[in-house]
């Protein structure tokens, strides 16, 4: 089982930046470029969340 700790420091700032970028992107008109950037941001968001998961003993 895994456990999540509260994000802090650089990890928290990185998550906040990615979330803000996703929100700004959603306000843009649909385009292939927007879709590509959105997919990259989602990958980064997932990586940041996976970095915060630790295996329970």
C-alpha atoms as a PDB file:
ATOM      1  CA  UNK A   1       0.000   0.000   0.000  1.00  0.00           C
ATOM      2  CA  UNK A   2       1.253   3.471  -0.748  1.00  0.00           C
ATOM      3  CA  UNK A   3       0.883   6.584   1.307  1.00  0.00           C
ATOM      4  CA  UNK A   4       0.828  10.206   0.249  1.00  0.00           C
ATOM      5  CA  UNK A   5       2.505  12.964   2.157  1.00  0.00           C
ATOM      6  CA  UNK A   6       1.581  16.599   1.845  1.00  0.00           C
ATOM      7  CA  UNK A   7       3.574  18.300  -0.898  1.00  0.00           C
ATOM      8  CA  UNK A   8       5.984  20.986   0.200  1.00  0.00           C
ATOM      9  CA  UNK A   9       8.827  23.109  -1.069  1.00  0.00           C
ATOM     10  CA  UNK A  10       9.905  22.729  -4.692  1.00  0.00           C
ATOM     11  CA  UNK A  11       7.422  19.907  -5.352  1.00  0.00           C
ATOM     12  CA  UNK A  12       4.497  22.020  -4.235  1.00  0.00           C
ATOM     13  CA  UNK A  13       5.661  25.010  -6.299  1.00  0.00           C
ATOM     14  CA  UNK A  14       6.097  22.791  -9.375  1.00  0.00           C
ATOM     15  CA  UNK A  15       2.580  21.379  -8.983  1.00  0.00           C
ATOM     16  CA  UNK A  16       1.148  24.860  -8.574  1.00  0.00           C
ATOM     17  CA  UNK A  17       2.944  26.047 -11.717  1.00  0.00           C
ATOM     18  CA  UNK A  18       1.708  23.088 -13.776  1.00  0.00           C
ATOM     19  CA  UNK A  19      -1.868  23.552 -12.532  1.00  0.00           C
ATOM     20  CA  UNK A  20      -1.748  27.239 -13.420  1.00  0.00           C
ATOM     21  CA  UNK A  21      -0.395  26.455 -16.893  1.00  0.00           C
ATOM     22  CA  UNK A  22      -3.200  23.945 -17.475  1.00  0.00           C
ATOM     23  CA  UNK A  23      -5.817  26.487 -16.399  1.00  0.00           C
ATOM     24  CA  UNK A  24      -4.393  29.144 -18.726  1.00  0.00           C
ATOM     25  CA  UNK A  25      -4.239  26.661 -21.576  1.00  0.00           C
ATOM     26  CA  UNK A  26      -7.894  25.701 -21.224  1.00  0.00           C
ATOM     27  CA  UNK A  27      -8.862  29.326 -21.868  1.00  0.00           C
ATOM     28  CA  UNK A  28      -7.131  29.243 -25.265  1.00  0.00           C
ATOM     29  CA  UNK A  29      -9.050  28.324 -28.417  1.00  0.00           C
ATOM     30  CA  UNK A  30      -8.806  24.648 -29.425  1.00  0.00           C
ATOM     31  CA  UNK A  31      -5.906  23.813 -31.718  1.00  0.00           C
ATOM     32  CA  UNK A  32      -3.498  20.942 -32.352  1.00  0.00           C
ATOM     33  CA  UNK A  33      -0.774  22.929 -30.569  1.00  0.00           C
ATOM     34  CA  UNK A  34      -2.967  23.390 -27.492  1.00  0.00           C
ATOM     35  CA  UNK A  35      -3.712  19.668 -27.432  1.00  0.00           C
ATOM     36  CA  UNK A  36      -0.008  18.845 -27.612  1.00  0.00           C
ATOM     37  CA  UNK A  37       0.882  21.261 -24.816  1.00  0.00           C
ATOM     38  CA  UNK A  38      -1.996  19.940 -22.700  1.00  0.00           C
ATOM     39  CA  UNK A  39      -0.772  16.357 -23.099  1.00  0.00           C
ATOM     40  CA  UNK A  40       2.764  17.364 -22.061  1.00  0.00           C
ATOM     41  CA  UNK A  41       1.427  19.206 -19.015  1.00  0.00           C
ATOM     42  CA  UNK A  42      -0.636  16.193 -17.970  1.00  0.00           C
ATOM     43  CA  UNK A  43       2.443  13.978 -18.184  1.00  0.00           C
ATOM     44  CA  UNK A  44       4.363  16.456 -16.024  1.00  0.00           C
ATOM     45  CA  UNK A  45       1.467  16.683 -13.547  1.00  0.00           C
ATOM     46  CA  UNK A  46       1.421  12.884 -13.239  1.00  0.00           C
ATOM     47  CA  UNK A  47       5.201  12.763 -12.727  1.00  0.00           C
ATOM     48  CA  UNK A  48       4.983  15.331  -9.949  1.00  0.00           C
ATOM     49  CA  UNK A  49       2.258  13.374  -8.190  1.00  0.00           C
ATOM     50  CA  UNK A  50       4.065  10.054  -8.559  1.00  0.00           C
ATOM     51  CA  UNK A  51       7.158  11.657  -7.033  1.00  0.00           C
ATOM     52  CA  UNK A  52       5.134  12.236  -3.868  1.00  0.00           C
ATOM     53  CA  UNK A  53       4.033   8.608  -3.388  1.00  0.00           C
ATOM     54  CA  UNK A  54       6.040   6.502  -0.976  1.00  0.00           C
ATOM     55  CA  UNK A  55       5.623   2.802  -0.335  1.00  0.00           C
ATOM     56  CA  UNK A  56       4.194   1.919   3.046  1.00  0.00           C
ATOM     57  CA  UNK A  57       6.097  -0.540   5.215  1.00  0.00           C
END
